[in-house]
Amino acid sequence: MNKKITIYIIVFIILVISTTISYFNFKKEKYTYPEEYKMDLTHISDTVETEKSGKMVGGHCYLASATMLIKHFDPDIEFWKVYVYQGSAVSFNYYFPNGPNGGASAGPDDSGTVSLLVAASNLGYTPHVRRQIIDRGTPWSSKKIKKLGGDFQTYFFNPPMDEYKQVISSGIPIASSGSPCHADYNVIEGYNEKKLFVIIPNPQDVNRTDPKISCSVGSGLRHLVFWFTPDGKKISDRELMLTMKGTVNESLEIMERYIKNLEEGVNIVNFELERFYSARKFAAIYFKEQGYDELADGYERSADAFYELTSIFPPDANKYKNKIIVQMKKVLEIEKGLLKYWEALN
C-alpha cells in the first residue's frame, strides 16, 4: 500500500476515534437553564492581594480566578490561603529553558497553573475540567485531575456551552484560561443569549478599571474551562504542613546547586524574585496562624532577604549577580536554620 495513503488512513481513524469519544462524552446530556442568569461575585486581583503583603506581584491571575470561585462558597477565604494550599510556598526550583548550556530560570515549584486545582482540592473542592481534545498546549490531563478526585471531559469541535450555562445557572461560577472577553484567565459569572458576563482579575490588562465586563458569546468558550463544587475533602492543617515539609530538603539542595551554578558563571535568564518573596510572606502568615512561631519568623526573614532583590529584573539581573548570590546565601542560611523545626513536625 502506498505510504501516503497509509498515513491518510491512520489520520482518518484517529479523527473518527476522537470524534466518537467527544460525541459519547456529551451526546446524551440534556441541559436546561434559564435564558439569562447572572451572579454578583466578589472581585479578586492577584496584584492587589500581593501588594497587601508589601510587594505587588503579577502572574497569579489563575490563582485569583480560583480564589473567586472558592470565595463564592466560602466568603472568608483569602487569596493568600489559596496560594499556600498549593503546598509549594516554601519551595525552590530552577531549570534551563534554552538547554543545558543556556541560562537558568528560577521560580517556586508550583507546577504551573495545574496548582490551582491542587489548591482547590486541598481546600475541599472537587475540580471539574473541560478541554478541547486537540488542545495540547496545557499539562492538564485526565490522570492528574482524577488523582485530585475531579472530573475531566474533552470535546472535539463545539464547546459544551449548554453544560456551562447549566452549571452557572445552578449558582456555580466557572473560570476559563481565556474567553471572547479576555485572552487570559477570567471568571464567567453570567450569560444571556448573546453575551457573557465575566470578571477579569487584573482589569488594567485590558486598559480598564472596572473588572466586570461583558462581551459577545462568539464561538463559545474554546479555552480550558474549570469550576469547583464544595463536595470534596479538605486536607487537615497537619497534612498541609507535612506536604510542605516534604519539599523543604529538596528545595534547599536545589537552592544550593543554583547558587553554585551562578558562582560558576551560569547566566540568569529569569529570576522570579517577587514570587519567591510573596510565597515566603504568605507561608509566614499561615505558620503564624497555626502557631508555628519559629517557622513564621524564619520565613518572614527569608521574605525580607528576597525583598531586597525585587527591584532587579531580567535582563539586568546578570549585572547584579553578585548581590543576588549574597542574598541567596542569606536565604539558604535562614531556611537551613529552620530544618530543626521541620524535623520536629511529624
Protein backbone atom coordinates (compact mmCIF):
# COMPACT_ATOMS: atom_id res chain seq x y z
CA MET A 1 0.00 0.00 0.00
CA ASN A 2 1.21 3.47 -0.85
CA LYS A 3 2.85 5.07 2.21
CA LYS A 4 0.95 8.33 1.69
CA ILE A 5 -2.40 6.51 1.58
CA THR A 6 -1.48 4.66 4.79
CA ILE A 7 -0.83 7.95 6.56
CA TYR A 8 -4.19 9.31 5.38
CA ILE A 9 -5.95 6.21 6.70
CA ILE A 10 -4.24 6.49 10.08
CA VAL A 11 -5.16 10.18 10.36
CA PHE A 12 -8.75 9.38 9.38
CA ILE A 13 -9.00 6.65 12.01
CA ILE A 14 -7.63 8.99 14.68
CA LEU A 15 -10.18 11.65 13.75
CA VAL A 16 -13.02 9.13 13.85
CA ILE A 17 -11.95 7.87 17.28
CA SER A 18 -11.55 11.42 18.64
CA THR A 19 -14.93 12.48 17.30
CA THR A 20 -16.57 9.36 18.71
CA ILE A 21 -15.06 9.99 22.17
CA SER A 22 -16.24 13.60 22.11
CA TYR A 23 -19.67 12.51 20.86
CA PHE A 24 -20.20 10.00 23.62
CA ASN A 25 -18.92 12.44 26.21
CA PHE A 26 -21.73 14.90 25.56
CA LYS A 27 -24.32 13.42 23.18
CA LYS A 28 -26.90 12.27 25.72
CA GLU A 29 -26.64 15.21 28.07
CA LYS A 30 -29.79 17.31 28.20
CA TYR A 31 -29.20 20.59 29.96
CA THR A 32 -31.91 23.04 30.91
CA TYR A 33 -31.22 26.58 32.03
CA PRO A 34 -32.90 30.00 32.03
CA GLU A 35 -32.29 32.34 29.10
CA GLU A 36 -30.37 34.73 31.32
CA TYR A 37 -28.56 34.33 34.63
CA LYS A 38 -26.02 36.45 36.43
CA MET A 39 -24.31 36.32 39.82
CA ASP A 40 -22.57 39.10 41.69
CA LEU A 41 -19.18 37.64 42.57
CA THR A 42 -16.50 39.33 44.64
CA HIS A 43 -13.59 40.50 42.51
CA ILE A 44 -10.12 39.27 43.43
CA SER A 45 -6.91 40.67 41.90
CA ASP A 46 -3.61 38.92 42.47
CA THR A 47 -1.74 42.22 42.15
CA VAL A 48 -3.92 43.87 44.78
CA GLU A 49 -3.70 40.89 47.13
CA THR A 50 0.06 40.55 46.88
CA GLU A 51 0.50 44.31 47.37
CA LYS A 52 -1.20 43.92 50.75
CA SER A 53 1.75 41.80 51.84
CA GLY A 54 4.23 44.50 50.85
CA LYS A 55 5.04 43.96 47.17
CA MET A 56 2.75 43.93 44.14
CA VAL A 57 3.30 40.76 42.13
CA GLY A 58 1.56 39.76 38.91
CA GLY A 59 1.49 36.41 37.17
CA HIS A 60 -1.00 34.75 39.51
CA CYS A 61 -4.25 35.56 37.68
CA TYR A 62 -5.01 31.83 37.58
CA LEU A 63 -4.95 31.69 41.40
CA ALA A 64 -7.01 34.89 41.60
CA SER A 65 -9.62 33.24 39.36
CA ALA A 66 -9.60 30.13 41.54
CA THR A 67 -9.99 32.30 44.65
CA MET A 68 -13.05 33.99 43.15
CA LEU A 69 -14.65 30.60 42.51
CA ILE A 70 -13.95 29.41 46.06
CA LYS A 71 -14.95 32.71 47.69
CA HIS A 72 -18.39 32.25 46.17
CA PHE A 73 -18.83 29.28 48.52
CA ASP A 74 -16.63 30.50 51.39
CA PRO A 75 -16.73 34.29 51.83
CA ASP A 76 -13.92 34.08 54.41
CA ILE A 77 -11.33 32.56 52.07
CA GLU A 78 -8.36 34.78 51.24
CA PHE A 79 -6.06 34.77 48.23
CA TRP A 80 -3.00 34.13 50.41
CA LYS A 81 -4.54 30.96 51.82
CA VAL A 82 -5.39 29.59 48.36
CA TYR A 83 -1.78 30.33 47.46
CA VAL A 84 -0.48 28.40 50.49
CA TYR A 85 -2.79 25.44 49.88
CA GLN A 86 -0.87 24.68 46.69
CA GLY A 87 1.64 23.22 49.13
CA SER A 88 4.60 24.85 47.41
CA ALA A 89 5.03 28.15 49.28
CA VAL A 90 8.42 27.17 50.74
CA SER A 91 9.74 25.54 47.57
CA PHE A 92 12.56 26.50 45.23
CA ASN A 93 13.27 25.25 41.73
CA TYR A 94 15.07 26.21 38.54
CA TYR A 95 15.64 24.86 35.05
CA PHE A 96 17.46 25.64 31.82
CA PRO A 97 14.84 26.81 29.30
CA ASN A 98 17.38 27.06 26.47
CA GLY A 99 19.13 23.75 27.11
CA PRO A 100 21.99 22.74 29.42
CA ASN A 101 24.27 25.46 28.07
CA GLY A 102 21.66 28.18 28.40
CA GLY A 103 20.92 30.36 31.38
CA ALA A 104 18.87 29.29 34.39
CA SER A 105 15.30 30.29 35.18
CA ALA A 106 14.28 30.08 38.83
CA GLY A 107 10.86 30.14 40.45
CA PRO A 108 8.68 28.47 43.09
CA ASP A 109 7.85 24.86 42.31
CA ASP A 110 4.12 25.36 41.78
CA SER A 111 3.75 23.15 38.68
CA GLY A 112 2.23 25.97 36.67
CA THR A 113 -1.49 26.61 36.57
CA VAL A 114 -2.28 22.98 37.46
CA SER A 115 -1.55 24.18 41.00
CA LEU A 116 -4.89 25.96 41.20
CA LEU A 117 -6.58 22.56 41.01
CA VAL A 118 -4.27 21.25 43.72
CA ALA A 119 -5.13 24.23 45.93
CA ALA A 120 -8.88 23.81 45.38
CA SER A 121 -8.74 20.06 46.02
CA ASN A 122 -6.70 20.57 49.20
CA LEU A 123 -9.28 23.10 50.37
CA GLY A 124 -12.09 20.56 49.94
CA TYR A 125 -13.42 21.38 46.48
CA THR A 126 -13.91 18.97 43.61
CA PRO A 127 -12.44 20.30 40.35
CA HIS A 128 -14.32 19.89 37.07
CA VAL A 129 -12.37 20.47 33.86
CA ARG A 130 -13.35 20.64 30.20
CA ARG A 131 -10.71 20.73 27.49
CA GLN A 132 -10.77 20.61 23.71
CA ILE A 133 -9.34 17.25 22.72
CA ILE A 134 -6.87 18.74 20.25
CA ASP A 135 -5.55 21.28 22.78
CA ARG A 136 -2.07 20.07 23.69
CA GLY A 137 -0.87 23.40 24.99
CA THR A 138 -1.78 22.56 28.58
CA PRO A 139 -0.44 19.96 31.00
CA TRP A 140 -3.92 19.40 32.47
CA SER A 141 -4.67 15.73 31.91
CA SER A 142 -7.34 13.25 32.93
CA LYS A 143 -4.87 11.33 35.10
CA LYS A 144 -3.79 14.39 37.08
CA ILE A 145 -7.32 15.66 37.60
CA LYS A 146 -8.77 12.29 38.59
CA LYS A 147 -5.93 11.90 41.09
CA LEU A 148 -7.34 15.03 42.74
CA GLY A 149 -10.79 13.47 42.83
CA GLY A 150 -12.01 15.68 39.99
CA ASP A 151 -13.91 15.08 36.79
CA PHE A 152 -12.36 15.66 33.38
CA GLN A 153 -14.02 15.59 29.97
CA THR A 154 -12.94 16.55 26.49
CA TYR A 155 -14.79 17.78 23.43
CA PHE A 156 -13.76 17.89 19.80
CA PHE A 157 -15.26 20.79 17.85
CA ASN A 158 -18.03 22.64 19.66
CA PRO A 159 -17.56 23.65 23.31
CA PRO A 160 -20.33 22.36 25.62
CA MET A 161 -21.89 25.76 26.18
CA ASP A 162 -25.21 24.21 27.27
CA GLU A 163 -23.42 22.47 30.12
CA TYR A 164 -21.58 25.66 31.08
CA LYS A 165 -24.82 27.65 31.19
CA GLN A 166 -26.50 24.95 33.25
CA VAL A 167 -23.63 25.00 35.75
CA ILE A 168 -23.69 28.80 36.02
CA SER A 169 -27.49 28.92 36.40
CA SER A 170 -27.23 26.41 39.25
CA GLY A 171 -25.25 29.06 41.13
CA ILE A 172 -21.77 27.77 40.38
CA PRO A 173 -19.36 30.20 38.66
CA ILE A 174 -16.88 28.87 36.12
CA ALA A 175 -13.47 30.09 35.00
CA SER A 176 -11.56 29.86 31.77
CA SER A 177 -7.97 30.22 30.65
CA GLY A 178 -9.34 32.60 28.03
CA SER A 179 -12.66 33.69 26.60
CA PRO A 180 -14.10 36.00 23.93
CA CYS A 181 -13.87 38.71 26.60
CA HIS A 182 -10.21 38.32 27.55
CA ALA A 183 -7.22 36.32 26.33
CA ASP A 184 -6.13 35.31 29.83
CA TYR A 185 -7.75 33.80 32.90
CA ASN A 186 -11.15 35.19 33.80
CA VAL A 187 -14.29 34.15 35.66
CA ILE A 188 -17.68 33.81 33.99
CA GLU A 189 -20.39 34.91 36.40
CA GLY A 190 -23.34 35.01 33.98
CA TYR A 191 -24.70 34.88 30.46
CA ASN A 192 -27.65 35.70 28.28
CA GLU A 193 -28.45 34.66 24.75
CA LYS A 194 -25.85 36.94 23.18
CA LYS A 195 -23.42 37.88 25.93
CA LEU A 196 -21.07 36.52 28.54
CA PHE A 197 -20.56 38.40 31.82
CA VAL A 198 -17.02 37.99 33.09
CA ILE A 199 -14.67 39.24 35.79
CA ILE A 200 -11.04 39.91 34.91
CA PRO A 201 -8.55 39.52 37.80
CA ASN A 202 -6.46 42.47 36.64
CA PRO A 203 -8.62 44.86 34.57
CA GLN A 204 -5.62 47.04 33.72
CA ASP A 205 -4.55 44.20 31.42
CA VAL A 206 -7.27 45.40 29.05
CA ASN A 207 -6.90 49.10 29.93
CA ARG A 208 -9.89 49.15 32.25
CA THR A 209 -10.56 49.95 35.88
CA ASP A 210 -13.85 48.03 36.13
CA PRO A 211 -13.10 44.29 36.40
CA LYS A 212 -16.62 43.30 35.36
CA ILE A 213 -17.25 43.37 31.64
CA SER A 214 -19.44 41.72 29.04
CA CYS A 215 -18.80 40.57 25.52
CA SER A 216 -20.38 38.59 22.71
CA VAL A 217 -20.62 34.84 23.28
CA GLY A 218 -18.98 34.49 19.89
CA SER A 219 -17.99 30.91 19.14
CA GLY A 220 -18.15 29.98 22.82
CA LEU A 221 -15.57 29.15 25.48
CA ARG A 222 -12.93 27.38 23.42
CA HIS A 223 -10.21 27.68 26.04
CA LEU A 224 -9.77 25.42 29.04
CA VAL A 225 -12.77 25.71 31.38
CA PHE A 226 -12.97 24.68 35.03
CA TRP A 227 -15.18 25.03 38.07
CA PHE A 228 -15.37 23.72 41.63
CA THR A 229 -18.06 22.10 43.73
CA PRO A 230 -17.83 22.05 47.55
CA ASP A 231 -18.16 18.28 47.90
CA GLY A 232 -14.51 17.26 48.24
CA LYS A 233 -12.45 16.56 51.34
CA LYS A 234 -10.32 19.32 52.79
CA ILE A 235 -6.90 18.22 53.97
CA SER A 236 -6.04 18.96 57.57
CA ASP A 237 -3.56 21.64 58.56
CA ARG A 238 -1.24 18.86 59.67
CA GLU A 239 -1.44 17.26 56.22
CA LEU A 240 -0.67 20.60 54.57
CA MET A 241 2.29 21.16 56.89
CA LEU A 242 3.62 17.68 56.10
CA THR A 243 3.18 18.37 52.37
CA MET A 244 5.34 21.47 52.71
CA LYS A 245 7.79 19.64 54.94
CA GLY A 246 8.23 17.12 52.12
CA THR A 247 9.51 19.86 49.81
CA VAL A 248 11.98 21.51 52.19
CA ASN A 249 15.12 19.34 51.97
CA GLU A 250 14.99 19.00 48.20
CA SER A 251 14.30 22.72 47.75
CA LEU A 252 17.33 23.63 49.88
CA GLU A 253 19.53 21.24 47.89
CA ILE A 254 18.27 22.79 44.64
CA MET A 255 18.84 26.30 46.01
CA GLU A 256 22.40 25.37 46.95
CA ARG A 257 23.03 24.00 43.45
CA TYR A 258 21.55 27.12 41.92
CA ILE A 259 23.89 29.38 43.91
CA LYS A 260 26.83 27.21 42.86
CA ASN A 261 25.75 27.45 39.21
CA LEU A 262 25.66 31.24 39.43
CA GLU A 263 29.10 31.31 41.04
CA GLU A 264 30.40 29.13 38.19
CA GLY A 265 29.16 31.65 35.62
CA VAL A 266 25.69 30.44 34.63
CA ASN A 267 23.59 33.36 33.43
CA ILE A 268 20.21 34.31 34.84
CA VAL A 269 17.51 34.01 32.19
CA ASN A 270 14.68 34.69 34.58
CA PHE A 271 14.52 35.01 38.34
CA GLU A 272 11.08 35.31 39.88
CA LEU A 273 12.24 37.17 42.96
CA GLU A 274 8.88 38.75 43.59
CA ARG A 275 7.14 35.38 43.53
CA PHE A 276 9.66 33.94 46.00
CA TYR A 277 9.02 36.96 48.20
CA SER A 278 5.22 36.54 48.12
CA ALA A 279 5.43 32.78 48.65
CA ARG A 280 7.57 33.16 51.79
CA LYS A 281 5.42 36.04 53.03
CA PHE A 282 2.21 34.01 52.67
CA ALA A 283 3.85 30.97 54.26
CA ALA A 284 4.80 33.12 57.25
CA ILE A 285 1.19 34.29 57.62
CA TYR A 286 -0.02 30.70 57.59
CA PHE A 287 2.60 29.44 60.04
CA LYS A 288 1.78 32.28 62.43
CA GLU A 289 -1.91 31.40 62.19
CA GLN A 290 -1.11 27.78 63.03
CA GLY A 291 1.09 28.66 65.98
CA TYR A 292 4.46 27.75 64.42
CA ASP A 293 6.13 30.97 65.51
CA GLU A 294 9.72 29.91 64.73
CA LEU A 295 8.79 28.94 61.17
CA ALA A 296 6.75 32.12 60.78
CA ASP A 297 9.64 34.32 61.93
CA GLY A 298 12.14 32.40 59.81
CA TYR A 299 10.19 32.65 56.57
CA GLU A 300 9.44 36.30 57.31
CA ARG A 301 13.22 36.89 57.41
CA SER A 302 13.61 34.86 54.25
CA ALA A 303 10.96 37.03 52.57
CA ASP A 304 12.84 40.15 53.68
CA ALA A 305 16.03 38.83 52.10
CA PHE A 306 14.20 38.26 48.83
CA TYR A 307 12.56 41.69 49.07
CA GLU A 308 15.95 43.39 48.76
CA LEU A 309 16.22 41.87 45.27
CA THR A 310 12.70 42.50 43.98
CA SER A 311 13.69 45.64 42.08
CA ILE A 312 16.03 43.56 39.89
CA PHE A 313 14.54 42.28 36.65
CA PRO A 314 15.99 40.32 33.74
CA PRO A 315 17.85 41.05 31.55
CA ASP A 316 19.57 43.32 34.11
CA ALA A 317 19.78 40.52 36.68
CA ASN A 318 23.21 39.40 35.50
CA LYS A 319 24.59 42.88 36.27
CA TYR A 320 23.63 42.26 39.89
CA LYS A 321 24.60 38.60 40.05
CA ASN A 322 26.98 39.10 42.97
CA LYS A 323 24.28 40.80 45.02
CA ILE A 324 21.83 38.03 44.14
CA ILE A 325 24.35 35.39 45.22
CA VAL A 326 24.93 37.15 48.54
CA GLN A 327 21.20 37.42 49.28
CA MET A 328 20.51 33.86 48.13
CA LYS A 329 23.15 32.62 50.56
CA LYS A 330 21.35 34.52 53.31
CA VAL A 331 18.08 32.83 52.35
CA LEU A 332 19.78 29.45 52.28
CA GLU A 333 21.28 30.01 55.72
CA ILE A 334 17.96 31.18 57.17
CA GLU A 335 15.98 28.26 55.74
CA LYS A 336 18.60 25.66 56.70
CA GLY A 337 18.29 27.01 60.22
CA LEU A 338 14.60 26.11 60.15
CA LEU A 339 15.20 22.43 59.43
CA LYS A 340 15.15 21.53 63.14
CA TYR A 341 11.63 22.92 63.41
CA TRP A 342 10.51 21.00 60.34
CA GLU A 343 12.10 17.81 61.68
CA ALA A 344 10.15 18.21 64.91
CA LEU A 345 6.92 18.14 62.89
CA ASN A 346 5.51 14.64 62.46
